[in-house]
């Protein structure tokens, strides 16, 4: 599931649109300011003339005037321009191209690598294939209800009710959201079928997307199938889905344990958990598996990484979907 040509073209078309928009905005700003402050236009013309003259002298090997002299003149003009902008209340970069992404300057690439803004657009495209946008319209904190959790029965292991577990889970979810800008975090949400693990993951995803971070959501069965297809069929394209799995700001791996577990799946899970930890990327894993079962299905090494680097959230209770 690497980007198909049509998807890649759509992303690059968006960058072209941004560049055209930026050029239009800059031209409108220039027209406005040059009418208000004619001296700015003179400064711009002087800078252009100086630069052209410098190039001509270099090409003709006429170095009568040193490079430092040209640089001094350009610096004087730049300072005068900044002073004029400041006097009229404009920011110092008002006459520079207003890029939406200052990192890649709206090209999609930073130092030959895909920019973070490219990664986000690609992640959004992948999520669209799973209809995540439509899901989050229905599954978000505004629709989360504690009434689905009983306050009558108690868990024999913790002595707490399903409602207490749910309140704790939501509290930890909001902590994750509030501190997402500051530090990488990981959640391991576990419990029986139908207790709200996927719903809670969707609630978190909704809030992180509002912060404009790249977010990838995959049912584990689908993700490992895609990885197997790309690995064994060599359909990696532009780097394959793994590139986005490892680099997105938030990865949600839902229903771990529903896939056919084998050596390949186990190795890929360790790679994802370990590599995202090294890259300081946040991950949410949800599973119906018990903590006792997990190491046997995957590996003690993977579970050790999770224990050390994930916060555990246990949801209990009756199947909400049946209720």
Protein backbone atom coordinates (compact mmCIF):
# COMPACT_ATOMS: atom_id res chain seq x y z
CA UNK A 1 0.00 0.00 0.00
CA UNK A 2 2.56 2.50 -1.09
CA UNK A 3 1.23 5.68 -2.62
CA UNK A 4 -0.32 4.98 -5.99
CA UNK A 5 0.59 7.28 -8.85
CA UNK A 6 -2.77 9.03 -8.69
CA UNK A 7 -2.33 9.65 -4.94
CA UNK A 8 1.21 10.93 -5.35
CA UNK A 9 0.07 13.20 -8.19
CA UNK A 10 -2.75 14.52 -6.00
CA UNK A 11 -0.28 15.44 -3.25
CA UNK A 12 2.13 17.13 -5.67
CA UNK A 13 -0.82 18.99 -7.25
CA UNK A 14 -1.62 20.35 -3.80
CA UNK A 15 1.96 21.61 -3.45
CA UNK A 16 1.69 23.30 -6.85
CA UNK A 17 -1.54 24.93 -5.72
CA UNK A 18 0.15 26.19 -2.55
CA UNK A 19 3.07 27.64 -4.49
CA UNK A 20 0.76 29.45 -6.92
CA UNK A 21 -1.27 30.81 -4.01
CA UNK A 22 1.89 32.01 -2.23
CA UNK A 23 3.14 33.80 -5.33
CA UNK A 24 -0.26 35.46 -5.77
CA UNK A 25 -0.33 36.59 -2.12
CA UNK A 26 3.19 37.99 -2.39
CA UNK A 27 2.39 39.91 -5.58
CA UNK A 28 -0.70 41.44 -3.97
CA UNK A 29 1.37 42.45 -0.94
CA UNK A 30 3.97 44.09 -3.15
CA UNK A 31 1.36 46.05 -5.09
CA UNK A 32 -0.19 47.28 -1.85
CA UNK A 33 3.09 48.28 -0.21
CA UNK A 34 4.67 49.83 -3.28
CA UNK A 35 1.68 52.16 -3.56
CA UNK A 36 1.92 53.09 0.12
CA UNK A 37 5.73 53.22 0.32
CA UNK A 38 7.27 53.93 -3.13
CA UNK A 39 10.75 53.76 -1.62
CA UNK A 40 10.28 49.98 -1.12
CA UNK A 41 9.95 49.53 -4.88
CA UNK A 42 13.11 51.58 -5.42
CA UNK A 43 14.96 49.42 -2.89
CA UNK A 44 13.82 46.24 -4.61
CA UNK A 45 14.95 47.57 -7.99
CA UNK A 46 18.31 48.61 -6.53
CA UNK A 47 18.84 45.14 -5.03
CA UNK A 48 18.01 43.48 -8.35
CA UNK A 49 20.34 45.85 -10.25
CA UNK A 50 23.20 45.28 -7.78
CA UNK A 51 22.83 41.52 -8.00
CA UNK A 52 22.74 41.54 -11.81
CA UNK A 53 25.74 43.86 -11.99
CA UNK A 54 27.69 41.62 -9.62
CA UNK A 55 27.01 38.56 -11.81
CA UNK A 56 28.08 40.43 -14.97
CA UNK A 57 31.36 41.51 -13.39
CA UNK A 58 32.10 37.98 -12.24
CA UNK A 59 31.43 36.58 -15.70
CA UNK A 60 33.64 39.21 -17.32
CA UNK A 61 36.33 38.67 -14.66
CA UNK A 62 36.12 42.35 -13.81
CA UNK A 63 36.62 42.34 -10.06
CA UNK A 64 37.29 46.02 -9.67
CA UNK A 65 34.73 46.17 -6.90
CA UNK A 66 35.12 43.50 -4.20
CA UNK A 67 32.40 41.09 -3.15
CA UNK A 68 32.41 42.62 0.33
CA UNK A 69 31.52 46.01 -1.14
CA UNK A 70 28.49 44.51 -2.91
CA UNK A 71 27.46 42.70 0.25
CA UNK A 72 27.73 45.90 2.26
CA UNK A 73 25.48 47.76 -0.19
CA UNK A 74 22.93 44.92 -0.18
CA UNK A 75 22.98 44.84 3.62
CA UNK A 76 22.33 48.60 3.78
CA UNK A 77 19.36 48.26 1.44
CA UNK A 78 17.98 45.31 3.42
CA UNK A 79 18.24 47.27 6.68
CA UNK A 80 16.46 50.25 5.16
CA UNK A 81 13.67 47.97 3.91
CA UNK A 82 13.22 46.43 7.36
CA UNK A 83 13.06 49.87 8.97
CA UNK A 84 10.37 51.03 6.53
CA UNK A 85 8.29 47.89 7.16
CA UNK A 86 8.63 48.29 10.93
CA UNK A 87 7.65 51.95 10.81
CA UNK A 88 4.39 51.04 9.02
CA UNK A 89 3.64 48.10 11.35
CA UNK A 90 4.43 45.24 8.98
CA UNK A 91 6.36 42.10 10.02
CA UNK A 92 9.95 41.83 8.72
CA UNK A 93 9.09 38.86 6.45
CA UNK A 94 6.04 40.52 4.89
CA UNK A 95 7.74 40.74 1.50
CA UNK A 96 8.95 37.13 1.54
CA UNK A 97 7.08 34.17 0.05
CA UNK A 98 4.40 33.09 2.59
CA UNK A 99 4.92 29.32 2.47
CA UNK A 100 2.42 27.09 4.25
CA UNK A 101 5.29 24.82 5.25
CA UNK A 102 8.51 26.76 5.95
CA UNK A 103 10.46 23.49 6.28
CA UNK A 104 10.13 22.33 2.66
CA UNK A 105 8.96 25.67 1.26
CA UNK A 106 5.91 23.90 -0.16
CA UNK A 107 7.88 21.44 -2.28
CA UNK A 108 7.12 18.31 -0.22
CA UNK A 109 10.79 17.46 0.24
CA UNK A 110 13.34 18.49 2.84
CA UNK A 111 16.95 17.55 2.08
CA UNK A 112 15.87 14.88 -0.38
CA UNK A 113 13.49 13.29 2.15
CA UNK A 114 9.70 13.57 2.31
CA UNK A 115 8.77 16.49 4.52
CA UNK A 116 6.58 16.07 7.60
CA UNK A 117 3.77 17.85 5.74
CA UNK A 118 4.03 15.28 2.92
CA UNK A 119 3.86 12.50 5.51
CA UNK A 120 0.70 14.03 6.95
CA UNK A 121 -1.04 14.31 3.58
CA UNK A 122 -0.11 10.71 2.78
CA UNK A 123 -1.40 9.54 6.18
CA UNK A 124 -4.67 11.39 5.56
CA UNK A 125 -5.05 9.58 2.23
CA UNK A 126 -4.48 6.19 3.84
CA UNK A 127 -7.00 6.97 6.59
CA UNK A 128 -9.56 7.93 3.97
CA UNK A 129 -9.34 4.40 2.60
CA UNK A 130 -10.58 3.12 5.96
CA UNK A 131 -13.26 5.78 6.20
CA UNK A 132 -11.71 7.14 9.39
CA UNK A 133 -13.14 10.60 8.78
CA UNK A 134 -16.70 9.25 8.75
CA UNK A 135 -15.99 7.05 11.78
CA UNK A 136 -14.71 9.97 13.85
CA UNK A 137 -17.90 11.90 13.19
CA UNK A 138 -19.67 9.26 15.27
CA UNK A 139 -16.93 8.06 17.60
CA UNK A 140 -15.47 10.95 19.57
CA UNK A 141 -15.45 12.26 23.13
CA UNK A 142 -18.68 14.18 22.57
CA UNK A 143 -20.41 10.82 22.07
CA UNK A 144 -18.52 8.93 24.75
CA UNK A 145 -20.93 7.86 27.51
CA UNK A 146 -20.00 6.54 30.93
CA UNK A 147 -23.55 5.19 31.22
CA UNK A 148 -22.36 2.16 29.24
CA UNK A 149 -20.23 1.08 32.20
CA UNK A 150 -21.62 -0.50 35.35
CA UNK A 151 -20.91 0.86 38.80
CA UNK A 152 -22.48 -2.15 40.52
CA UNK A 153 -20.06 -5.02 39.86
CA UNK A 154 -16.38 -5.11 40.77
CA UNK A 155 -13.42 -6.70 39.08
CA UNK A 156 -11.99 -9.50 41.22
CA UNK A 157 -8.40 -8.52 40.39
CA UNK A 158 -8.53 -4.76 40.90
CA UNK A 159 -11.57 -4.36 43.15
CA UNK A 160 -12.79 -1.58 40.85
CA UNK A 161 -16.00 -1.28 38.84
CA UNK A 162 -16.15 -1.02 35.02
CA UNK A 163 -17.14 2.63 35.49
CA UNK A 164 -14.01 3.33 37.54
CA UNK A 165 -11.88 1.65 34.89
CA UNK A 166 -13.58 3.75 32.19
CA UNK A 167 -13.06 7.01 34.08
CA UNK A 168 -9.38 6.16 34.57
CA UNK A 169 -9.06 5.32 30.85
CA UNK A 170 -10.57 8.63 29.75
CA UNK A 171 -8.38 10.54 32.20
CA UNK A 172 -5.25 8.89 30.77
CA UNK A 173 -6.49 9.50 27.24
CA UNK A 174 -6.81 13.23 27.88
CA UNK A 175 -3.36 13.30 29.48
CA UNK A 176 -2.03 11.70 26.29
CA UNK A 177 -3.77 14.36 24.17
CA UNK A 178 -2.72 17.34 26.32
CA UNK A 179 0.95 16.35 26.36
CA UNK A 180 1.16 15.13 22.77
CA UNK A 181 2.94 18.33 21.68
CA UNK A 182 5.57 17.95 24.36
CA UNK A 183 6.79 14.37 24.46
CA UNK A 184 6.25 11.02 22.70
CA UNK A 185 3.82 8.74 24.53
CA UNK A 186 2.43 5.25 24.02
CA UNK A 187 -0.77 3.55 25.21
CA UNK A 188 -1.59 -0.15 25.46
CA UNK A 189 -5.37 -0.54 25.74
CA UNK A 190 -6.56 -4.05 26.57
CA UNK A 191 -9.74 -5.79 27.60
CA UNK A 192 -12.47 -8.11 26.42
CA UNK A 193 -14.39 -7.71 23.18
CA UNK A 194 -16.82 -4.81 23.05
CA UNK A 195 -15.67 -2.83 26.10
CA UNK A 196 -14.82 0.34 24.12
CA UNK A 197 -11.11 -0.01 23.24
CA UNK A 198 -11.53 0.93 19.57
CA UNK A 199 -13.99 3.68 20.43
CA UNK A 200 -11.52 5.22 22.89
CA UNK A 201 -8.73 5.01 20.28
CA UNK A 202 -10.96 6.82 17.80
CA UNK A 203 -11.70 9.51 20.38
CA UNK A 204 -7.97 10.12 20.84
CA UNK A 205 -7.35 10.10 17.08
CA UNK A 206 -10.04 12.73 16.60
CA UNK A 207 -8.34 15.12 19.04
CA UNK A 208 -4.83 14.52 17.66
CA UNK A 209 -6.04 15.16 14.10
CA UNK A 210 -7.47 18.47 15.31
CA UNK A 211 -3.90 19.38 16.28
CA UNK A 212 -2.88 18.74 12.63
CA UNK A 213 -0.60 15.78 13.37
CA UNK A 214 -0.26 12.91 10.91
CA UNK A 215 -2.28 9.99 12.23
CA UNK A 216 -2.45 6.45 10.83
CA UNK A 217 -5.11 3.97 11.91
CA UNK A 218 -4.97 0.29 10.99
CA UNK A 219 -6.77 -2.84 12.16
CA UNK A 220 -3.82 -5.16 12.81
CA UNK A 221 -5.16 -7.79 10.41
CA UNK A 222 -5.11 -5.29 7.53
CA UNK A 223 -1.72 -3.79 8.37
CA UNK A 224 0.15 -7.09 8.56
CA UNK A 225 -1.54 -8.30 5.37
CA UNK A 226 -0.35 -5.16 3.59
CA UNK A 227 3.17 -5.52 4.95
CA UNK A 228 3.30 -9.17 3.86
CA UNK A 229 2.07 -8.30 0.37
CA UNK A 230 4.67 -5.57 -0.06
CA UNK A 231 7.48 -7.68 1.41
CA UNK A 232 6.90 -10.89 -0.51
CA UNK A 233 5.52 -9.41 -3.73
CA UNK A 234 8.11 -6.62 -3.72
CA UNK A 235 5.44 -3.99 -4.26
CA UNK A 236 7.17 -1.38 -2.14
CA UNK A 237 6.81 1.50 -4.63
CA UNK A 238 7.98 4.72 -3.01
CA UNK A 239 9.06 2.95 0.17
CA UNK A 240 5.81 1.21 0.97
CA UNK A 241 3.39 1.56 3.83
CA UNK A 242 6.13 0.85 6.39
CA UNK A 243 7.70 4.23 5.65
CA UNK A 244 4.51 5.94 6.83
CA UNK A 245 3.92 3.48 9.68
CA UNK A 246 7.31 4.31 11.16
CA UNK A 247 7.22 8.06 10.56
CA UNK A 248 3.64 9.23 11.24
CA UNK A 249 3.14 11.26 14.42
CA UNK A 250 0.56 8.83 15.80
CA UNK A 251 0.05 5.19 14.84
CA UNK A 252 -3.04 3.35 16.06
CA UNK A 253 -2.76 -0.43 15.77
CA UNK A 254 -6.22 -1.73 16.56
CA UNK A 255 -7.32 -5.23 17.57
CA UNK A 256 -3.85 -6.73 17.80
CA UNK A 257 -4.23 -10.50 17.96
CA UNK A 258 -6.94 -10.83 15.31
CA UNK A 259 -4.35 -11.41 12.58
CA UNK A 260 -2.79 -14.79 11.81
CA UNK A 261 0.24 -14.63 14.07
CA UNK A 262 3.48 -16.09 12.70
CA UNK A 263 7.20 -15.34 12.66
CA UNK A 264 6.76 -12.60 10.05
CA UNK A 265 4.05 -10.81 12.05
CA UNK A 266 6.05 -11.12 15.25
CA UNK A 267 9.16 -9.62 13.65
CA UNK A 268 7.19 -6.78 12.03
CA UNK A 269 5.50 -5.92 15.31
CA UNK A 270 8.85 -5.73 17.09
CA UNK A 271 10.21 -3.54 14.29
CA UNK A 272 7.25 -1.16 14.57
CA UNK A 273 7.31 -0.95 18.36
CA UNK A 274 11.08 -0.62 18.63
CA UNK A 275 11.68 1.70 15.68
CA UNK A 276 8.89 4.10 16.57
CA UNK A 277 10.27 4.24 20.10
CA UNK A 278 13.74 5.12 18.73
CA UNK A 279 12.22 7.76 16.43
CA UNK A 280 10.24 9.19 19.36
CA UNK A 281 6.86 8.65 17.71
CA UNK A 282 3.66 7.98 19.65
CA UNK A 283 1.77 4.70 19.31
CA UNK A 284 -1.53 3.28 20.55
CA UNK A 285 -2.05 -0.48 20.59
CA UNK A 286 -5.40 -2.06 21.45
CA UNK A 287 -5.98 -5.78 21.94
CA UNK A 288 -8.37 -8.39 23.31
CA UNK A 289 -5.38 -10.43 24.46
CA UNK A 290 -4.60 -10.80 28.14
CA UNK A 291 -1.22 -9.67 29.41
CA UNK A 292 -0.38 -13.31 30.15
CA UNK A 293 -1.13 -14.42 26.57
CA UNK A 294 0.69 -11.66 24.72
CA UNK A 295 4.35 -12.77 25.14
CA UNK A 296 3.56 -16.28 23.93
CA UNK A 297 1.88 -15.07 20.74
CA UNK A 298 4.53 -12.52 19.82
CA UNK A 299 7.75 -12.42 21.82
CA UNK A 300 9.02 -11.61 25.28
CA UNK A 301 11.35 -9.07 23.66
CA UNK A 302 8.42 -7.15 22.13
CA UNK A 303 6.41 -7.31 25.33
CA UNK A 304 9.42 -6.07 27.29
CA UNK A 305 9.63 -2.99 25.06
CA UNK A 306 5.91 -2.36 25.59
CA UNK A 307 6.11 -2.75 29.37
CA UNK A 308 8.98 -0.28 29.55
CA UNK A 309 7.55 2.37 27.23
CA UNK A 310 3.73 2.12 27.24
CA UNK A 311 1.05 3.18 29.71
CA UNK A 312 -1.46 0.39 30.27
CA UNK A 313 -5.21 1.00 30.19
CA UNK A 314 -7.59 -1.83 31.09
CA UNK A 315 -11.25 -1.59 30.11
CA UNK A 316 -13.68 -4.13 31.56
CA UNK A 317 -17.42 -4.74 31.55
CA UNK A 318 -20.16 -6.15 29.35
CA UNK A 319 -20.14 -5.96 25.56
CA UNK A 320 -21.36 -2.41 24.90
CA UNK A 321 -22.50 -3.31 21.40
CA UNK A 322 -24.92 -5.86 22.83
CA UNK A 323 -26.14 -3.39 25.42
